Amino acid sequence: MLRFALLALVIGVAGCDGTTGTLVKLVGAEPDSSPTAAPHIDAGAVSSSPLSATAWQIQLSGTLDTTIDVGWYEVDFDTDASTIAALHARGRTVSCYVSAGTDEAWRDDSADFPASAVGNALSDYSREHWVDVRDATVRSVNQRRLSLARTRGCDGVELSNIQGHTVDSGFPLTAADDLAYARFLLGVAHGEGLTAGVSSDDLVGSLAPEMDWGLTEECLSYGTCDAWRTLVDAHKAVFMIEYGSAVDAPVLCPQAAALGFSLVIKRSSLDAFRVGCGLADGGQ
């Protein structure tokens, strides 16, 4: 998982649009409208623009649809370089998702995590386990991932699942442990020339000076949006995901606009389906 319009444009949001990708279509999915135009946002603008109003897309499952006309794409860090290059050729800035706090069994480097550093399964994903972020090998694996993301052409990285201290991870992790790990990864990302965002609500306040942008998932649903205002106050982008469909847009879009966050409504599968908000997405 940028912001880039004047306040008048953000507050003026009154409409939203829906787009879907070319393949995955779930039962009950909303009908599509055609993709809408959005300006290209370059990575250098991430930490300097005052508000979050760009059209964006995140897709982590299904065959990637590169045709949606938005300025910012988030894809998996395993996405091949040619696909990322194709997105760049269409004028997209590309962020790459890295689950830095978990071992995902399907990754090529999963076996590189020592058994002693792999903990409990995530509550909703039995094939994904928390890792001990204090472990030197865990850090090394994710350092290599960030280097790979840069090699494949990613402009930035989302550092996800760095909240082991808030769950039953299997390790006695503290907030200080997760903060130290996040700061380590932010330093690595910046050393690779990547912008970096974190998606852990309770770390935002401490990490705001070092983060370039943030990505929040269902902060409206869980009542955690206030934590992310720190980034808006620092003139940094907040990308926002809420799960639903086009029927939710009239309620969710004005709330996101009032916060200064850039909302995309997704399905929980994070396939190509999206409903975007704002003038850049075709709102009136």
C-alpha atoms as a PDB file:
ATOM      1  CA  MET A   1       0.000   0.000   0.000  1.00  0.00           C
ATOM      2  CA  LEU A   2       0.026   9.434  -1.901  1.00  0.00           C
ATOM      3  CA  ARG A   3      -1.792  12.457  -1.637  1.00  0.00           C
ATOM      4  CA  PHE A   4      -1.735  15.069  -4.064  1.00  0.00           C
ATOM      5  CA  ALA A   5      -4.465  17.563  -4.403  1.00  0.00           C
ATOM      6  CA  LEU A   6      -5.504  20.793  -2.826  1.00  0.00           C
ATOM      7  CA  LEU A   7      -7.743  20.752   0.226  1.00  0.00           C
ATOM      8  CA  ALA A   8     -10.601  22.132  -1.836  1.00  0.00           C
ATOM      9  CA  LEU A   9     -10.405  19.097  -4.084  1.00  0.00           C
ATOM     10  CA  VAL A  10     -10.414  16.664  -1.189  1.00  0.00           C
ATOM     11  CA  ILE A  11     -13.325  18.250   0.627  1.00  0.00           C
ATOM     12  CA  GLY A  12     -15.180  18.513  -2.660  1.00  0.00           C
ATOM     13  CA  VAL A  13     -15.449  14.730  -3.019  1.00  0.00           C
ATOM     14  CA  ALA A  14     -19.027  13.686  -3.506  1.00  0.00           C
ATOM     15  CA  GLY A  15     -18.828  10.734  -5.850  1.00  0.00           C
ATOM     16  CA  CYS A  16     -16.857   7.541  -6.309  1.00  0.00           C
ATOM     17  CA  ASP A  17     -16.241   5.109  -9.091  1.00  0.00           C
ATOM     18  CA  GLY A  18     -15.894   1.352  -9.316  1.00  0.00           C
ATOM     19  CA  THR A  19     -13.435  -0.593 -11.438  1.00  0.00           C
ATOM     20  CA  THR A  20     -12.543  -4.240 -11.567  1.00  0.00           C
ATOM     21  CA  GLY A  21      -9.764  -6.235 -13.093  1.00  0.00           C
ATOM     22  CA  THR A  22     -10.012  -8.656 -15.955  1.00  0.00           C
ATOM     23  CA  LEU A  23     -10.129 -12.012 -14.218  1.00  0.00           C
ATOM     24  CA  VAL A  24     -11.331 -12.637 -10.678  1.00  0.00           C
ATOM     25  CA  LYS A  25     -15.005 -11.953 -10.156  1.00  0.00           C
ATOM     26  CA  LEU A  26     -16.661 -13.045  -6.922  1.00  0.00           C
ATOM     27  CA  VAL A  27     -20.328 -13.801  -6.397  1.00  0.00           C
ATOM     28  CA  GLY A  28     -22.173 -10.596  -5.621  1.00  0.00           C
ATOM     29  CA  ALA A  29     -19.492  -8.323  -7.061  1.00  0.00           C
ATOM     30  CA  GLU A  30     -20.608  -4.888  -8.077  1.00  0.00           C
ATOM     31  CA  PRO A  31     -20.830  -4.074 -11.788  1.00  0.00           C
ATOM     32  CA  ASP A  32     -17.897  -2.182 -13.242  1.00  0.00           C
ATOM     33  CA  SER A  33     -17.540   1.165 -14.831  1.00  0.00           C
ATOM     34  CA  SER A  34     -14.658   1.934 -17.139  1.00  0.00           C
ATOM     35  CA  PRO A  35     -11.317   2.887 -15.558  1.00  0.00           C
ATOM     36  CA  THR A  36     -10.894   6.583 -14.927  1.00  0.00           C
ATOM     37  CA  ALA A  37      -7.997   8.888 -15.608  1.00  0.00           C
ATOM     38  CA  ALA A  38      -5.541   9.841 -12.875  1.00  0.00           C
ATOM     39  CA  PRO A  39      -2.339  11.874 -12.932  1.00  0.00           C
ATOM     40  CA  HIS A  40       0.995  10.103 -12.582  1.00  0.00           C
ATOM     41  CA  ILE A  41       2.444  10.647  -9.128  1.00  0.00           C
ATOM     42  CA  ASP A  42       6.166  10.212  -8.900  1.00  0.00           C
ATOM     43  CA  ALA A  43       7.805   8.669  -5.843  1.00  0.00           C
ATOM     44  CA  GLY A  44       9.513  11.912  -4.922  1.00  0.00           C
ATOM     45  CA  ALA A  45       6.160  13.512  -4.214  1.00  0.00           C
ATOM     46  CA  VAL A  46       5.200  11.014  -1.538  1.00  0.00           C
ATOM     47  CA  SER A  47       6.574  12.828   1.474  1.00  0.00           C
ATOM     48  CA  SER A  48       6.179  16.394   0.258  1.00  0.00           C
ATOM     49  CA  SER A  49       2.565  16.721  -0.945  1.00  0.00           C
ATOM     50  CA  PRO A  50       0.133  18.041   1.665  1.00  0.00           C
ATOM     51  CA  LEU A  51      -2.899  15.758   1.316  1.00  0.00           C
ATOM     52  CA  SER A  52      -3.934  12.272   0.255  1.00  0.00           C
ATOM     53  CA  ALA A  53      -6.117  12.543  -2.815  1.00  0.00           C
ATOM     54  CA  THR A  54      -4.521  10.449  -5.518  1.00  0.00           C
ATOM     55  CA  ALA A  55      -6.273   7.555  -7.201  1.00  0.00           C
ATOM     56  CA  TRP A  56      -4.510   4.292  -6.382  1.00  0.00           C
ATOM     57  CA  GLN A  57      -4.825   0.534  -6.570  1.00  0.00           C
ATOM     58  CA  ILE A  58      -3.621  -2.413  -4.515  1.00  0.00           C
ATOM     59  CA  GLN A  59      -3.756  -5.949  -5.898  1.00  0.00           C
ATOM     60  CA  LEU A  60      -2.158  -8.897  -4.106  1.00  0.00           C
ATOM     61  CA  SER A  61      -4.141 -11.823  -5.547  1.00  0.00           C
ATOM     62  CA  GLY A  62      -5.235 -13.018  -8.968  1.00  0.00           C
ATOM     63  CA  THR A  63      -3.587 -12.199 -12.278  1.00  0.00           C
ATOM     64  CA  LEU A  64      -2.442  -8.602 -12.011  1.00  0.00           C
ATOM     65  CA  ASP A  65      -4.510  -6.109 -13.998  1.00  0.00           C
ATOM     66  CA  THR A  66      -2.095  -3.383 -15.075  1.00  0.00           C
ATOM     67  CA  THR A  67      -4.694  -1.421 -17.043  1.00  0.00           C
ATOM     68  CA  ILE A  68      -6.457   0.474 -14.261  1.00  0.00           C
ATOM     69  CA  ASP A  69      -5.733   4.140 -14.830  1.00  0.00           C
ATOM     70  CA  VAL A  70      -4.425   5.314 -11.472  1.00  0.00           C
ATOM     71  CA  GLY A  71      -1.214   7.010 -10.413  1.00  0.00           C
ATOM     72  CA  TRP A  72      -0.080   4.570  -7.720  1.00  0.00           C
ATOM     73  CA  TYR A  73      -0.088   0.772  -7.710  1.00  0.00           C
ATOM     74  CA  GLU A  74       0.764  -1.543  -4.840  1.00  0.00           C
ATOM     75  CA  VAL A  75       1.734  -5.075  -5.862  1.00  0.00           C
ATOM     76  CA  ASP A  76       3.493  -8.009  -4.221  1.00  0.00           C
ATOM     77  CA  PHE A  77       7.283  -7.761  -3.961  1.00  0.00           C
ATOM     78  CA  ASP A  78       7.550 -11.052  -5.888  1.00  0.00           C
ATOM     79  CA  THR A  79       6.049  -9.374  -8.957  1.00  0.00           C
ATOM     80  CA  ASP A  80       8.468  -9.804 -11.843  1.00  0.00           C
ATOM     81  CA  ALA A  81      10.529  -6.918 -13.121  1.00  0.00           C
ATOM     82  CA  SER A  82       8.886  -6.883 -16.553  1.00  0.00           C
ATOM     83  CA  THR A  83       5.443  -6.370 -15.035  1.00  0.00           C
ATOM     84  CA  ILE A  84       6.696  -3.523 -12.863  1.00  0.00           C
ATOM     85  CA  ALA A  85       8.390  -2.023 -15.914  1.00  0.00           C
ATOM     86  CA  ALA A  86       5.075  -2.237 -17.766  1.00  0.00           C
ATOM     87  CA  LEU A  87       3.390  -0.314 -14.954  1.00  0.00           C
ATOM     88  CA  HIS A  88       6.119   2.309 -15.106  1.00  0.00           C
ATOM     89  CA  ALA A  89       5.608   2.565 -18.860  1.00  0.00           C
ATOM     90  CA  ARG A  90       1.957   3.393 -18.157  1.00  0.00           C
ATOM     91  CA  GLY A  91       3.063   6.201 -15.835  1.00  0.00           C
ATOM     92  CA  ARG A  92       2.478   4.378 -12.551  1.00  0.00           C
ATOM     93  CA  THR A  93       4.481   4.645  -9.356  1.00  0.00           C
ATOM     94  CA  VAL A  94       4.842   1.148  -7.867  1.00  0.00           C
ATOM     95  CA  SER A  95       4.943   0.196  -4.211  1.00  0.00           C
ATOM     96  CA  CYS A  96       5.679  -3.411  -3.286  1.00  0.00           C
ATOM     97  CA  TYR A  97       4.092  -5.292  -0.376  1.00  0.00           C
ATOM     98  CA  VAL A  98       6.463  -7.044   2.026  1.00  0.00           C
ATOM     99  CA  SER A  99       5.072  -8.971   4.999  1.00  0.00           C
ATOM    100  CA  ALA A 100       8.130  -8.249   7.098  1.00  0.00           C
ATOM    101  CA  GLY A 101       6.762  -9.682  10.344  1.00  0.00           C
ATOM    102  CA  THR A 102       5.577 -13.086   9.154  1.00  0.00           C
ATOM    103  CA  ASP A 103       6.766 -16.264   7.459  1.00  0.00           C
ATOM    104  CA  GLU A 104       4.556 -16.977   4.442  1.00  0.00           C
ATOM    105  CA  ALA A 105       4.911 -20.665   3.596  1.00  0.00           C
ATOM    106  CA  TRP A 106       4.615 -20.095  -0.164  1.00  0.00           C
ATOM    107  CA  ARG A 107       7.613 -17.776  -0.441  1.00  0.00           C
ATOM    108  CA  ASP A 108      10.803 -19.085  -2.042  1.00  0.00           C
ATOM    109  CA  ASP A 109      12.809 -17.918   0.967  1.00  0.00           C
ATOM    110  CA  SER A 110      10.467 -19.348   3.626  1.00  0.00           C
ATOM    111  CA  ALA A 111      12.968 -22.100   4.470  1.00  0.00           C
ATOM    112  CA  ASP A 112      15.574 -19.461   5.283  1.00  0.00           C
ATOM    113  CA  PHE A 113      13.802 -18.602   8.528  1.00  0.00           C
ATOM    114  CA  PRO A 114      15.187 -20.665  11.432  1.00  0.00           C
ATOM    115  CA  ALA A 115      12.542 -22.856  13.065  1.00  0.00           C
ATOM    116  CA  SER A 116      13.284 -21.208  16.405  1.00  0.00           C
ATOM    117  CA  ALA A 117      12.240 -17.831  14.950  1.00  0.00           C
ATOM    118  CA  VAL A 118       8.891 -18.989  13.511  1.00  0.00           C
ATOM    119  CA  GLY A 119       5.986 -18.682  15.925  1.00  0.00           C
ATOM    120  CA  ASN A 120       2.225 -18.985  15.978  1.00  0.00           C
ATOM    121  CA  ALA A 121      -0.020 -18.887  12.932  1.00  0.00           C
ATOM    122  CA  LEU A 122      -1.949 -15.723  12.193  1.00  0.00           C
ATOM    123  CA  SER A 123      -5.520 -16.013  13.399  1.00  0.00           C
ATOM    124  CA  ASP A 124      -6.994 -15.764   9.890  1.00  0.00           C
ATOM    125  CA  TYR A 125      -4.178 -17.318   7.840  1.00  0.00           C
ATOM    126  CA  SER A 126      -3.011 -20.759   8.910  1.00  0.00           C
ATOM    127  CA  ARG A 127      -0.141 -20.858   6.369  1.00  0.00           C
ATOM    128  CA  GLU A 128       1.349 -17.627   7.689  1.00  0.00           C
ATOM    129  CA  HIS A 129       3.238 -17.463  10.978  1.00  0.00           C
ATOM    130  CA  TRP A 130       4.637 -14.649  13.070  1.00  0.00           C
ATOM    131  CA  VAL A 131       8.417 -14.398  13.221  1.00  0.00           C
ATOM    132  CA  ASP A 132      10.741 -13.233  15.973  1.00  0.00           C
ATOM    133  CA  VAL A 133      11.753  -9.804  14.713  1.00  0.00           C
ATOM    134  CA  ARG A 134      14.652  -9.724  17.162  1.00  0.00           C
ATOM    135  CA  ASP A 135      16.331 -12.594  15.316  1.00  0.00           C
ATOM    136  CA  ALA A 136      19.330 -11.686  13.142  1.00  0.00           C
ATOM    137  CA  THR A 137      18.366 -14.131  10.384  1.00  0.00           C
ATOM    138  CA  VAL A 138      14.828 -12.752  10.201  1.00  0.00           C
ATOM    139  CA  ARG A 139      16.331  -9.328   9.668  1.00  0.00           C
ATOM    140  CA  SER A 140      18.729 -10.639   7.048  1.00  0.00           C
ATOM    141  CA  VAL A 141      15.938 -12.359   5.074  1.00  0.00           C
ATOM    142  CA  ASN A 142      13.890  -9.178   4.945  1.00  0.00           C
ATOM    143  CA  GLN A 143      16.912  -7.057   4.131  1.00  0.00           C
ATOM    144  CA  ARG A 144      17.421  -9.268   1.062  1.00  0.00           C
ATOM    145  CA  ARG A 145      13.740  -8.870   0.171  1.00  0.00           C
ATOM    146  CA  LEU A 146      14.045  -5.096   0.139  1.00  0.00           C
ATOM    147  CA  SER A 147      17.107  -5.339  -2.057  1.00  0.00           C
ATOM    148  CA  LEU A 148      15.172  -7.647  -4.385  1.00  0.00           C
ATOM    149  CA  ALA A 149      12.268  -5.195  -4.461  1.00  0.00           C
ATOM    150  CA  ARG A 150      14.630  -2.468  -5.595  1.00  0.00           C
ATOM    151  CA  THR A 151      16.198  -4.754  -8.216  1.00  0.00           C
ATOM    152  CA  ARG A 152      12.770  -5.564  -9.632  1.00  0.00           C
ATOM    153  CA  GLY A 153      11.975  -1.894 -10.002  1.00  0.00           C
ATOM    154  CA  CYS A 154       9.775  -1.099  -6.996  1.00  0.00           C
ATOM    155  CA  ASP A 155       9.672   2.600  -6.146  1.00  0.00           C
ATOM    156  CA  GLY A 156       8.657   1.962  -2.545  1.00  0.00           C
ATOM    157  CA  VAL A 157       7.788  -0.799  -0.095  1.00  0.00           C
ATOM    158  CA  GLU A 158       4.973  -1.362   2.369  1.00  0.00           C
ATOM    159  CA  LEU A 159       6.382  -2.950   5.517  1.00  0.00           C
ATOM    160  CA  SER A 160       3.443  -4.994   6.761  1.00  0.00           C
ATOM    161  CA  ASN A 161       2.645  -7.073   9.852  1.00  0.00           C
ATOM    162  CA  ILE A 162       5.092  -5.398  12.214  1.00  0.00           C
ATOM    163  CA  GLN A 163       2.792  -5.697  15.201  1.00  0.00           C
ATOM    164  CA  GLY A 164       3.803  -8.989  16.806  1.00  0.00           C
ATOM    165  CA  HIS A 165       3.718  -7.362  20.228  1.00  0.00           C
ATOM    166  CA  THR A 166      -0.062  -6.866  19.939  1.00  0.00           C
ATOM    167  CA  VAL A 167      -0.917 -10.531  19.256  1.00  0.00           C
ATOM    168  CA  ASP A 168      -0.109 -14.021  20.517  1.00  0.00           C
ATOM    169  CA  SER A 169       2.926 -14.358  18.271  1.00  0.00           C
ATOM    170  CA  GLY A 170       4.639 -17.075  20.272  1.00  0.00           C
ATOM    171  CA  PHE A 171       7.388 -14.678  21.327  1.00  0.00           C
ATOM    172  CA  PRO A 172       7.636 -12.162  24.198  1.00  0.00           C
ATOM    173  CA  LEU A 173       7.816  -9.228  21.805  1.00  0.00           C
ATOM    174  CA  THR A 174       7.414  -5.674  23.048  1.00  0.00           C
ATOM    175  CA  ALA A 175       6.485  -2.457  21.288  1.00  0.00           C
ATOM    176  CA  ALA A 176      10.143  -1.471  21.597  1.00  0.00           C
ATOM    177  CA  ASP A 177      11.143  -4.644  19.704  1.00  0.00           C
ATOM    178  CA  ASP A 178       8.777  -3.881  16.833  1.00  0.00           C
ATOM    179  CA  LEU A 179       9.837  -0.245  16.725  1.00  0.00           C
ATOM    180  CA  ALA A 180      13.505  -1.201  16.559  1.00  0.00           C
ATOM    181  CA  TYR A 181      12.753  -3.664  13.760  1.00  0.00           C
ATOM    182  CA  ALA A 182      10.677  -1.144  11.832  1.00  0.00           C
ATOM    183  CA  ARG A 183      13.434   1.447  12.114  1.00  0.00           C
ATOM    184  CA  PHE A 184      15.972  -1.093  10.891  1.00  0.00           C
ATOM    185  CA  LEU A 185      13.842  -1.851   7.817  1.00  0.00           C
ATOM    186  CA  LEU A 186      13.108   1.818   7.126  1.00  0.00           C
ATOM    187  CA  GLY A 187      16.843   2.449   7.130  1.00  0.00           C
ATOM    188  CA  VAL A 188      17.435  -0.476   4.758  1.00  0.00           C
ATOM    189  CA  ALA A 189      14.676   0.704   2.409  1.00  0.00           C
ATOM    190  CA  HIS A 190      16.002   4.242   2.294  1.00  0.00           C
ATOM    191  CA  GLY A 191      19.494   2.886   1.708  1.00  0.00           C
ATOM    192  CA  GLU A 192      18.102   1.058  -1.330  1.00  0.00           C
ATOM    193  CA  GLY A 193      16.584   4.288  -2.614  1.00  0.00           C
ATOM    194  CA  LEU A 194      13.022   3.157  -1.827  1.00  0.00           C
ATOM    195  CA  THR A 195      10.266   5.113  -0.163  1.00  0.00           C
ATOM    196  CA  ALA A 196       8.793   3.164   2.749  1.00  0.00           C
ATOM    197  CA  GLY A 197       5.465   2.959   4.505  1.00  0.00           C
ATOM    198  CA  VAL A 198       4.355   1.017   7.565  1.00  0.00           C
ATOM    199  CA  SER A 199       0.865  -0.387   8.123  1.00  0.00           C
ATOM    200  CA  SER A 200       0.818  -0.886  11.911  1.00  0.00           C
ATOM    201  CA  ASP A 201      -1.560   1.517  13.686  1.00  0.00           C
ATOM    202  CA  ASP A 202       0.199   1.671  17.027  1.00  0.00           C
ATOM    203  CA  LEU A 203       3.660   2.412  15.589  1.00  0.00           C
ATOM    204  CA  VAL A 204       2.681   5.403  13.455  1.00  0.00           C
ATOM    205  CA  GLY A 205       3.114   8.051  16.121  1.00  0.00           C
ATOM    206  CA  SER A 206       6.672   6.974  16.851  1.00  0.00           C
ATOM    207  CA  LEU A 207       7.683   6.316  13.252  1.00  0.00           C
ATOM    208  CA  ALA A 208       6.065   9.311  11.551  1.00  0.00           C
ATOM    209  CA  PRO A 209       9.333  11.259  11.183  1.00  0.00           C
ATOM    210  CA  GLU A 210      10.985   8.281   9.446  1.00  0.00           C
ATOM    211  CA  MET A 211       8.090   6.933   7.357  1.00  0.00           C
ATOM    212  CA  ASP A 212       7.487   8.387   3.901  1.00  0.00           C
ATOM    213  CA  TRP A 213       3.809   7.364   3.804  1.00  0.00           C
ATOM    214  CA  GLY A 214       1.464   4.948   5.535  1.00  0.00           C
ATOM    215  CA  LEU A 215      -1.170   2.370   4.673  1.00  0.00           C
ATOM    216  CA  THR A 216      -4.077   1.740   6.995  1.00  0.00           C
ATOM    217  CA  GLU A 217      -6.467  -1.190   6.670  1.00  0.00           C
ATOM    218  CA  GLU A 218     -10.024  -0.761   7.975  1.00  0.00           C
ATOM    219  CA  CYS A 219      -9.233   2.077  10.355  1.00  0.00           C
ATOM    220  CA  LEU A 220     -12.824   3.303  10.033  1.00  0.00           C
ATOM    221  CA  SER A 221     -14.126  -0.151  10.905  1.00  0.00           C
ATOM    222  CA  TYR A 222     -11.840  -0.485  13.925  1.00  0.00           C
ATOM    223  CA  GLY A 223     -11.864   3.131  15.079  1.00  0.00           C
ATOM    224  CA  THR A 224      -8.106   3.587  14.705  1.00  0.00           C
ATOM    225  CA  CYS A 225      -7.977   6.393  12.132  1.00  0.00           C
ATOM    226  CA  ASP A 226      -6.874   9.026  14.622  1.00  0.00           C
ATOM    227  CA  ALA A 227      -3.477   7.342  14.924  1.00  0.00           C
ATOM    228  CA  TRP A 228      -2.793   8.157  11.281  1.00  0.00           C
ATOM    229  CA  ARG A 229      -3.535  11.878  11.549  1.00  0.00           C
ATOM    230  CA  THR A 230       0.081  12.287  12.664  1.00  0.00           C
ATOM    231  CA  LEU A 231       1.170  11.563   9.099  1.00  0.00           C
ATOM    232  CA  VAL A 232      -1.326  13.987   7.589  1.00  0.00           C
ATOM    233  CA  ASP A 233      -0.086  16.654   9.994  1.00  0.00           C
ATOM    234  CA  ALA A 234       3.439  15.894   8.769  1.00  0.00           C
ATOM    235  CA  HIS A 235       2.282  16.317   5.134  1.00  0.00           C
ATOM    236  CA  LYS A 236       2.737  12.632   4.372  1.00  0.00           C
ATOM    237  CA  ALA A 237       0.380  10.349   2.491  1.00  0.00           C
ATOM    238  CA  VAL A 238      -2.048   7.945   4.140  1.00  0.00           C
ATOM    239  CA  PHE A 239      -3.386   5.236   1.844  1.00  0.00           C
ATOM    240  CA  MET A 240      -6.551   3.701   3.211  1.00  0.00           C
ATOM    241  CA  ILE A 241      -8.337   0.389   2.549  1.00  0.00           C
ATOM    242  CA  GLU A 242     -11.863  -0.384   3.670  1.00  0.00           C
ATOM    243  CA  TYR A 243     -13.594  -3.585   2.606  1.00  0.00           C
ATOM    244  CA  GLY A 244     -16.939  -3.407   0.864  1.00  0.00           C
ATOM    245  CA  SER A 245     -18.446  -2.530  -2.502  1.00  0.00           C
ATOM    246  CA  ALA A 246     -19.730   0.438  -4.468  1.00  0.00           C
ATOM    247  CA  VAL A 247     -22.802   0.706  -2.241  1.00  0.00           C
ATOM    248  CA  ASP A 248     -20.525   1.707   0.661  1.00  0.00           C
ATOM    249  CA  ALA A 249     -18.896   4.584  -1.199  1.00  0.00           C
ATOM    250  CA  PRO A 250     -21.408   7.343  -0.321  1.00  0.00           C
ATOM    251  CA  VAL A 251     -20.665   6.778   3.375  1.00  0.00           C
ATOM    252  CA  LEU A 252     -16.962   5.903   3.275  1.00  0.00           C
ATOM    253  CA  CYS A 253     -15.725   8.435   0.711  1.00  0.00           C
ATOM    254  CA  PRO A 254     -16.736  11.584   2.641  1.00  0.00           C
ATOM    255  CA  GLN A 255     -15.257  10.148   5.846  1.00  0.00           C
ATOM    256  CA  ALA A 256     -11.939   9.473   4.125  1.00  0.00           C
ATOM    257  CA  ALA A 257     -11.974  12.931   2.554  1.00  0.00           C
ATOM    258  CA  ALA A 258     -12.550  14.581   5.928  1.00  0.00           C
ATOM    259  CA  LEU A 259      -9.531  12.713   7.300  1.00  0.00           C
ATOM    260  CA  GLY A 260      -7.340  13.608   4.335  1.00  0.00           C
ATOM    261  CA  PHE A 261      -6.728   9.936   3.537  1.00  0.00           C
ATOM    262  CA  SER A 262      -6.719   8.363   0.067  1.00  0.00           C
ATOM    263  CA  LEU A 263      -9.353   5.612   0.195  1.00  0.00           C
ATOM    264  CA  VAL A 264      -9.843   2.598  -2.013  1.00  0.00           C
ATOM    265  CA  ILE A 265     -12.679   0.185  -1.270  1.00  0.00           C
ATOM    266  CA  LYS A 266     -11.616  -3.418  -1.859  1.00  0.00           C
ATOM    267  CA  ARG A 267     -12.741  -6.986  -1.380  1.00  0.00           C
ATOM    268  CA  SER A 268     -10.879  -8.886   1.347  1.00  0.00           C
ATOM    269  CA  SER A 269      -9.157 -11.045  -1.275  1.00  0.00           C
ATOM    270  CA  LEU A 270      -7.338  -7.910  -2.504  1.00  0.00           C
ATOM    271  CA  ASP A 271      -7.914  -8.932  -6.092  1.00  0.00           C
ATOM    272  CA  ALA A 272      -8.283  -6.406  -8.923  1.00  0.00           C
ATOM    273  CA  PHE A 273     -11.687  -5.067  -7.829  1.00  0.00           C
ATOM    274  CA  ARG A 274     -11.620  -1.499  -6.581  1.00  0.00           C
ATOM    275  CA  VAL A 275     -13.899   1.427  -5.858  1.00  0.00           C
ATOM    276  CA  GLY A 276     -12.036   4.714  -5.645  1.00  0.00           C
ATOM    277  CA  CYS A 277     -12.947   8.125  -4.299  1.00  0.00           C
ATOM    278  CA  GLY A 278     -12.116  11.664  -5.274  1.00  0.00           C
ATOM    279  CA  LEU A 279     -11.760  13.913  -8.277  1.00  0.00           C
ATOM    280  CA  ALA A 280      -8.779  11.916  -9.501  1.00  0.00           C
ATOM    281  CA  ASP A 281     -11.062   8.874  -9.545  1.00  0.00           C
ATOM    282  CA  GLY A 282     -13.837  10.571 -11.446  1.00  0.00           C
ATOM    283  CA  GLY A 283     -15.871  11.993  -8.569  1.00  0.00           C
ATOM    284  CA  GLN A 284     -17.806  15.165  -9.194  1.00  0.00           C
END
